[in-house]
Every structure is written in structure tokens, then in C-alpha cells.
């Protein structure tokens, strides 16, 4: 993880409309930052994330998210060449009974 680069200067503040952007900490809030950039960001911003946090940390955070929309989940799976079942949000979604399946 690079300490000299401030990741928040490299990504849009629009992704964090629901939190106080001025007090967002890149280390303590990395799960939120990674989730928002992968869901809403550009390829350039994703590359900034990978440079700042490293591929292993980004993938680990994405795998441990409780929810990712299907499009972002499939993108992350293909991007990192990781099987869908290795993501917690995928296995959790599969184990939840829908009202029409009960």
C-alpha cells in the first residue's frame, strides 16, 4: 500500500454523497472506497485503487462484501479471474430463499 499517494484526490467525491467526504480516511474506510469505485468509478479510478491498496487487498475487500450488484460482481470476477463462488455476496445470494421459491 502506497502511503505517499492520497487516493481520495484521484477519485470523484460524487461517489460518497452519503458520507462526509472531508473526513473520509483512506485506510479506515477502504471497504467503502473500494466498493464505490468498483460500482460507480472509471477504469482509471480502478487503476488508482490497485496502485494504492494493491491487488490482493482490493480483491479481498470485494470478496468480503455482503452485497454487490450483479454487473459489478461479474466484472470483478472477470477482472481478477476469480470464481463467482469465492465472493461472499454471491454465495449469500444463492443461499437466501426468495418468497416465490419457498
C-alpha atoms as a PDB file:
ATOM      1  CA  UNK A   1       0.000   0.000   0.000  1.00  0.00           C
ATOM      2  CA  UNK A   2       1.459   3.341  -1.008  1.00  0.00           C
ATOM      3  CA  UNK A   3       1.481   5.877   1.782  1.00  0.00           C
ATOM      4  CA  UNK A   4       2.548   8.948  -0.185  1.00  0.00           C
ATOM      5  CA  UNK A   5      -0.351   8.879  -2.641  1.00  0.00           C
ATOM      6  CA  UNK A   6      -3.697  10.155  -1.404  1.00  0.00           C
ATOM      7  CA  UNK A   7      -6.296   8.053  -3.160  1.00  0.00           C
ATOM      8  CA  UNK A   8      -9.115  10.491  -2.390  1.00  0.00           C
ATOM      9  CA  UNK A   9      -7.547  13.136  -4.637  1.00  0.00           C
ATOM     10  CA  UNK A  10      -7.645  10.666  -7.527  1.00  0.00           C
ATOM     11  CA  UNK A  11     -11.307   9.660  -7.360  1.00  0.00           C
ATOM     12  CA  UNK A  12     -14.545  11.606  -7.636  1.00  0.00           C
ATOM     13  CA  UNK A  13     -16.212  12.828  -4.459  1.00  0.00           C
ATOM     14  CA  UNK A  14     -19.624  12.249  -6.103  1.00  0.00           C
ATOM     15  CA  UNK A  15     -19.442   8.559  -5.182  1.00  0.00           C
ATOM     16  CA  UNK A  16     -19.629   9.462  -1.494  1.00  0.00           C
ATOM     17  CA  UNK A  17     -22.786  11.581  -1.423  1.00  0.00           C
ATOM     18  CA  UNK A  18     -23.981   9.965   1.796  1.00  0.00           C
ATOM     19  CA  UNK A  19     -20.838  10.436   3.928  1.00  0.00           C
ATOM     20  CA  UNK A  20     -18.757  13.430   4.947  1.00  0.00           C
ATOM     21  CA  UNK A  21     -16.101  13.321   2.241  1.00  0.00           C
ATOM     22  CA  UNK A  22     -13.785  15.700   4.107  1.00  0.00           C
ATOM     23  CA  UNK A  23     -13.271  13.249   6.997  1.00  0.00           C
ATOM     24  CA  UNK A  24     -13.135  10.068   4.906  1.00  0.00           C
ATOM     25  CA  UNK A  25      -9.993   8.126   5.794  1.00  0.00           C
ATOM     26  CA  UNK A  26      -8.416   6.018   3.003  1.00  0.00           C
ATOM     27  CA  UNK A  27      -7.251   3.357   5.465  1.00  0.00           C
ATOM     28  CA  UNK A  28     -10.242   3.063   7.802  1.00  0.00           C
ATOM     29  CA  UNK A  29     -12.803   3.412   5.002  1.00  0.00           C
ATOM     30  CA  UNK A  30     -11.104   1.269   2.386  1.00  0.00           C
ATOM     31  CA  UNK A  31     -14.025  -1.149   2.062  1.00  0.00           C
ATOM     32  CA  UNK A  32     -16.419   1.697   1.270  1.00  0.00           C
ATOM     33  CA  UNK A  33     -13.964   3.345  -1.123  1.00  0.00           C
ATOM     34  CA  UNK A  34     -13.246   0.102  -2.993  1.00  0.00           C
ATOM     35  CA  UNK A  35     -16.931  -0.807  -3.241  1.00  0.00           C
ATOM     36  CA  UNK A  36     -17.978   2.622  -4.545  1.00  0.00           C
ATOM     37  CA  UNK A  37     -15.176   2.913  -7.088  1.00  0.00           C
ATOM     38  CA  UNK A  38     -15.763  -0.588  -8.468  1.00  0.00           C
ATOM     39  CA  UNK A  39     -19.508   0.047  -8.642  1.00  0.00           C
ATOM     40  CA  UNK A  40     -19.508   3.630  -9.941  1.00  0.00           C
ATOM     41  CA  UNK A  41     -15.963   4.510 -10.983  1.00  0.00           C
ATOM     42  CA  UNK A  42     -13.977   4.619 -14.178  1.00  0.00           C
ATOM     43  CA  UNK A  43     -11.198   2.286 -15.255  1.00  0.00           C
ATOM     44  CA  UNK A  44      -8.656   4.982 -14.403  1.00  0.00           C
ATOM     45  CA  UNK A  45     -10.010   5.200 -10.848  1.00  0.00           C
ATOM     46  CA  UNK A  46      -9.913   1.416 -10.509  1.00  0.00           C
ATOM     47  CA  UNK A  47      -6.253   1.527 -11.519  1.00  0.00           C
ATOM     48  CA  UNK A  48      -5.633   4.183  -8.841  1.00  0.00           C
ATOM     49  CA  UNK A  49      -7.180   1.818  -6.297  1.00  0.00           C
ATOM     50  CA  UNK A  50      -4.966  -1.040  -7.401  1.00  0.00           C
ATOM     51  CA  UNK A  51      -1.870   1.163  -7.215  1.00  0.00           C
ATOM     52  CA  UNK A  52      -2.773   2.490  -3.771  1.00  0.00           C
ATOM     53  CA  UNK A  53      -4.069  -0.622  -1.983  1.00  0.00           C
ATOM     54  CA  UNK A  54      -2.615  -3.424  -4.074  1.00  0.00           C
ATOM     55  CA  UNK A  55      -4.466  -6.136  -5.970  1.00  0.00           C
ATOM     56  CA  UNK A  56      -4.615  -8.560  -3.035  1.00  0.00           C
ATOM     57  CA  UNK A  57      -6.290  -6.069  -0.665  1.00  0.00           C
ATOM     58  CA  UNK A  58      -8.777  -4.863  -3.283  1.00  0.00           C
ATOM     59  CA  UNK A  59      -9.775  -8.411  -4.205  1.00  0.00           C
ATOM     60  CA  UNK A  60     -10.046  -9.440  -0.558  1.00  0.00           C
ATOM     61  CA  UNK A  61     -12.325  -6.489   0.246  1.00  0.00           C
ATOM     62  CA  UNK A  62     -14.527  -7.207  -2.770  1.00  0.00           C
ATOM     63  CA  UNK A  63     -14.772 -10.882  -1.838  1.00  0.00           C
ATOM     64  CA  UNK A  64     -15.933  -9.993   1.683  1.00  0.00           C
ATOM     65  CA  UNK A  65     -18.645  -7.503   0.736  1.00  0.00           C
ATOM     66  CA  UNK A  66     -22.144  -8.585   1.705  1.00  0.00           C
ATOM     67  CA  UNK A  67     -23.652  -7.089  -1.446  1.00  0.00           C
ATOM     68  CA  UNK A  68     -22.523  -6.207  -4.950  1.00  0.00           C
ATOM     69  CA  UNK A  69     -24.904  -5.650  -7.810  1.00  0.00           C
ATOM     70  CA  UNK A  70     -24.749  -8.449 -10.411  1.00  0.00           C
ATOM     71  CA  UNK A  71     -22.974  -6.311 -13.019  1.00  0.00           C
ATOM     72  CA  UNK A  72     -20.191  -5.272 -10.627  1.00  0.00           C
ATOM     73  CA  UNK A  73     -19.892  -8.790  -9.248  1.00  0.00           C
ATOM     74  CA  UNK A  74     -19.403 -10.270 -12.712  1.00  0.00           C
ATOM     75  CA  UNK A  75     -16.957  -7.510 -13.636  1.00  0.00           C
ATOM     76  CA  UNK A  76     -14.865  -8.121 -10.501  1.00  0.00           C
ATOM     77  CA  UNK A  77     -14.921 -11.865 -11.109  1.00  0.00           C
ATOM     78  CA  UNK A  78     -13.659 -11.447 -14.670  1.00  0.00           C
ATOM     79  CA  UNK A  79     -11.219  -8.651 -13.817  1.00  0.00           C
ATOM     80  CA  UNK A  80      -9.445 -10.669 -11.124  1.00  0.00           C
ATOM     81  CA  UNK A  81     -10.096 -14.071 -12.748  1.00  0.00           C
ATOM     82  CA  UNK A  82     -11.753 -15.203  -9.519  1.00  0.00           C
ATOM     83  CA  UNK A  83     -14.674 -17.647  -9.486  1.00  0.00           C
ATOM     84  CA  UNK A  84     -18.056 -16.203  -8.564  1.00  0.00           C
ATOM     85  CA  UNK A  85     -18.478 -18.604  -5.654  1.00  0.00           C
ATOM     86  CA  UNK A  86     -15.407 -17.075  -3.962  1.00  0.00           C
ATOM     87  CA  UNK A  87     -17.366 -13.850  -3.364  1.00  0.00           C
ATOM     88  CA  UNK A  88     -19.394 -13.751  -0.167  1.00  0.00           C
ATOM     89  CA  UNK A  89     -22.187 -11.741  -1.801  1.00  0.00           C
ATOM     90  CA  UNK A  90     -22.626 -14.446  -4.451  1.00  0.00           C
ATOM     91  CA  UNK A  91     -22.820 -17.371  -2.034  1.00  0.00           C
ATOM     92  CA  UNK A  92     -25.034 -15.376   0.320  1.00  0.00           C
ATOM     93  CA  UNK A  93     -27.411 -14.505  -2.518  1.00  0.00           C
ATOM     94  CA  UNK A  94     -27.632 -18.153  -3.556  1.00  0.00           C
ATOM     95  CA  UNK A  95     -28.466 -19.330  -0.040  1.00  0.00           C
ATOM     96  CA  UNK A  96     -31.268 -16.778   0.524  1.00  0.00           C
ATOM     97  CA  UNK A  97     -34.706 -18.190  -0.252  1.00  0.00           C
ATOM     98  CA  UNK A  98     -36.867 -15.902  -2.315  1.00  0.00           C
ATOM     99  CA  UNK A  99     -40.550 -15.738  -1.462  1.00  0.00           C
ATOM    100  CA  UNK A 100     -41.510 -17.366  -4.765  1.00  0.00           C
ATOM    101  CA  UNK A 101     -39.174 -20.326  -4.116  1.00  0.00           C
ATOM    102  CA  UNK A 102     -40.408 -21.250  -0.657  1.00  0.00           C
END
